[in-house]
Amino acid sequence: SHLISQKEHEDLLENESSRLLRLDNIKQLRMFISVVGGTGKSILIEAITCLVDDTWHPKSGEIICAIVAPTGIATFNVRGLTIHR
């Protein structure tokens, strides 16, 4: 297996992020995450949100990442809104 250094990994991520930000035709991404409780959905959603915010939000004043869930408890766990709002 090929291992890379932390610096090489950071450089790769920075290059890929720069490439994505240059795309003129960025399309909306929708994800539906549904599995049983206790499997790490909230952690996954938090990681995706951080990635999106760190990559695009500083470049724009728009709301980039909207998180919704069907119940108030679920929205609390992921700092989102209920779907019906």
C-alpha atoms as a PDB file:
ATOM      1  CA  SER A   1       0.000   0.000   0.000  1.00  0.00           C
ATOM      2  CA  HIS A   2       1.187   3.525  -0.759  1.00  0.00           C
ATOM      3  CA  LEU A   3       1.332   5.859   2.241  1.00  0.00           C
ATOM      4  CA  ILE A   4       1.626   9.615   1.857  1.00  0.00           C
ATOM      5  CA  SER A   5       2.745  12.202   4.379  1.00  0.00           C
ATOM      6  CA  GLN A   6       0.332  14.565   6.109  1.00  0.00           C
ATOM      7  CA  LYS A   7       1.750  17.445   4.020  1.00  0.00           C
ATOM      8  CA  GLU A   8       1.183  15.537   0.758  1.00  0.00           C
ATOM      9  CA  HIS A   9      -2.360  14.732   1.888  1.00  0.00           C
ATOM     10  CA  GLU A  10      -3.070  18.393   2.698  1.00  0.00           C
ATOM     11  CA  ASP A  11      -1.625  19.488  -0.663  1.00  0.00           C
ATOM     12  CA  LEU A  12      -3.832  16.997  -2.505  1.00  0.00           C
ATOM     13  CA  LEU A  13      -6.925  18.224  -0.662  1.00  0.00           C
ATOM     14  CA  GLU A  14      -6.046  21.856  -1.326  1.00  0.00           C
ATOM     15  CA  ASN A  15      -5.502  21.188  -5.044  1.00  0.00           C
ATOM     16  CA  GLU A  16      -8.791  19.290  -5.307  1.00  0.00           C
ATOM     17  CA  SER A  17     -10.658  22.027  -3.418  1.00  0.00           C
ATOM     18  CA  SER A  18      -9.200  24.671  -5.736  1.00  0.00           C
ATOM     19  CA  ARG A  19     -10.231  22.627  -8.769  1.00  0.00           C
ATOM     20  CA  LEU A  20     -13.785  22.285  -7.461  1.00  0.00           C
ATOM     21  CA  LEU A  21     -14.067  25.998  -6.733  1.00  0.00           C
ATOM     22  CA  ARG A  22     -13.095  26.786 -10.336  1.00  0.00           C
ATOM     23  CA  LEU A  23     -15.953  24.773 -11.783  1.00  0.00           C
ATOM     24  CA  ASP A  24     -18.474  27.045 -13.462  1.00  0.00           C
ATOM     25  CA  ASN A  25     -21.296  24.547 -13.339  1.00  0.00           C
ATOM     26  CA  ILE A  26     -21.521  23.386  -9.725  1.00  0.00           C
ATOM     27  CA  LYS A  27     -24.708  21.412  -9.319  1.00  0.00           C
ATOM     28  CA  GLN A  28     -26.808  20.995  -6.211  1.00  0.00           C
ATOM     29  CA  LEU A  29     -25.945  17.956  -4.136  1.00  0.00           C
ATOM     30  CA  ARG A  30     -28.686  16.185  -2.199  1.00  0.00           C
ATOM     31  CA  MET A  31     -27.971  13.368   0.202  1.00  0.00           C
ATOM     32  CA  PHE A  32     -30.413  11.148   2.095  1.00  0.00           C
ATOM     33  CA  ILE A  33     -28.823   9.434   5.077  1.00  0.00           C
ATOM     34  CA  SER A  34     -31.020   6.873   6.784  1.00  0.00           C
ATOM     35  CA  VAL A  35     -29.866   3.992   8.979  1.00  0.00           C
ATOM     36  CA  VAL A  36     -30.694   2.733  12.466  1.00  0.00           C
ATOM     37  CA  GLY A  37     -29.842   4.794  15.535  1.00  0.00           C
ATOM     38  CA  GLY A  38     -26.367   4.788  16.993  1.00  0.00           C
ATOM     39  CA  THR A  39     -24.512   4.218  13.728  1.00  0.00           C
ATOM     40  CA  GLY A  40     -22.876   7.648  13.439  1.00  0.00           C
ATOM     41  CA  LYS A  41     -25.253   9.570  11.155  1.00  0.00           C
ATOM     42  CA  SER A  42     -24.829  12.791  13.131  1.00  0.00           C
ATOM     43  CA  ILE A  43     -21.045  12.512  13.004  1.00  0.00           C
ATOM     44  CA  LEU A  44     -21.143  11.906   9.240  1.00  0.00           C
ATOM     45  CA  ILE A  45     -23.489  14.854   8.708  1.00  0.00           C
ATOM     46  CA  GLU A  46     -21.258  17.105  10.840  1.00  0.00           C
ATOM     47  CA  ALA A  47     -18.190  16.081   8.817  1.00  0.00           C
ATOM     48  CA  ILE A  48     -19.949  16.753   5.494  1.00  0.00           C
ATOM     49  CA  THR A  49     -21.228  20.119   6.764  1.00  0.00           C
ATOM     50  CA  CYS A  50     -17.745  21.172   7.899  1.00  0.00           C
ATOM     51  CA  LEU A  51     -16.261  20.161   4.551  1.00  0.00           C
ATOM     52  CA  VAL A  52     -18.884  22.101   2.589  1.00  0.00           C
ATOM     53  CA  ASP A  53     -18.625  25.172   4.820  1.00  0.00           C
ATOM     54  CA  ASP A  54     -14.829  25.173   4.812  1.00  0.00           C
ATOM     55  CA  THR A  55     -14.701  24.742   1.044  1.00  0.00           C
ATOM     56  CA  TRP A  56     -17.426  27.057  -0.250  1.00  0.00           C
ATOM     57  CA  HIS A  57     -18.984  29.241   2.431  1.00  0.00           C
ATOM     58  CA  PRO A  58     -16.092  31.702   2.897  1.00  0.00           C
ATOM     59  CA  LYS A  59     -16.342  32.493  -0.829  1.00  0.00           C
ATOM     60  CA  SER A  60     -20.031  33.386  -0.739  1.00  0.00           C
ATOM     61  CA  GLY A  61     -22.699  35.009   1.395  1.00  0.00           C
ATOM     62  CA  GLU A  62     -25.232  32.358   0.426  1.00  0.00           C
ATOM     63  CA  ILE A  63     -26.548  29.514   2.540  1.00  0.00           C
ATOM     64  CA  ILE A  64     -24.555  26.618   1.171  1.00  0.00           C
ATOM     65  CA  CYS A  65     -25.477  23.670   3.341  1.00  0.00           C
ATOM     66  CA  ALA A  66     -29.057  23.135   4.571  1.00  0.00           C
ATOM     67  CA  ILE A  67     -29.731  20.215   6.893  1.00  0.00           C
ATOM     68  CA  VAL A  68     -33.260  18.937   7.430  1.00  0.00           C
ATOM     69  CA  ALA A  69     -34.752  16.035   9.361  1.00  0.00           C
ATOM     70  CA  PRO A  70     -38.286  14.725   9.932  1.00  0.00           C
ATOM     71  CA  THR A  71     -38.435  15.296  13.724  1.00  0.00           C
ATOM     72  CA  GLY A  72     -37.380  17.967  16.175  1.00  0.00           C
ATOM     73  CA  ILE A  73     -35.102  15.573  18.047  1.00  0.00           C
ATOM     74  CA  ALA A  74     -33.299  14.599  14.849  1.00  0.00           C
ATOM     75  CA  THR A  75     -32.841  18.239  13.864  1.00  0.00           C
ATOM     76  CA  PHE A  76     -31.403  19.027  17.289  1.00  0.00           C
ATOM     77  CA  ASN A  77     -28.725  16.358  16.861  1.00  0.00           C
ATOM     78  CA  VAL A  78     -27.565  17.766  13.506  1.00  0.00           C
ATOM     79  CA  ARG A  79     -28.397  21.452  14.078  1.00  0.00           C
ATOM     80  CA  GLY A  80     -30.911  21.475  11.244  1.00  0.00           C
ATOM     81  CA  LEU A  81     -34.562  22.263  10.561  1.00  0.00           C
ATOM     82  CA  THR A  82     -37.599  20.047  10.347  1.00  0.00           C
ATOM     83  CA  ILE A  83     -38.504  19.139   6.778  1.00  0.00           C
ATOM     84  CA  HIS A  84     -41.972  20.712   6.961  1.00  0.00           C
ATOM     85  CA  ARG A  85     -40.650  24.201   7.848  1.00  0.00           C
END
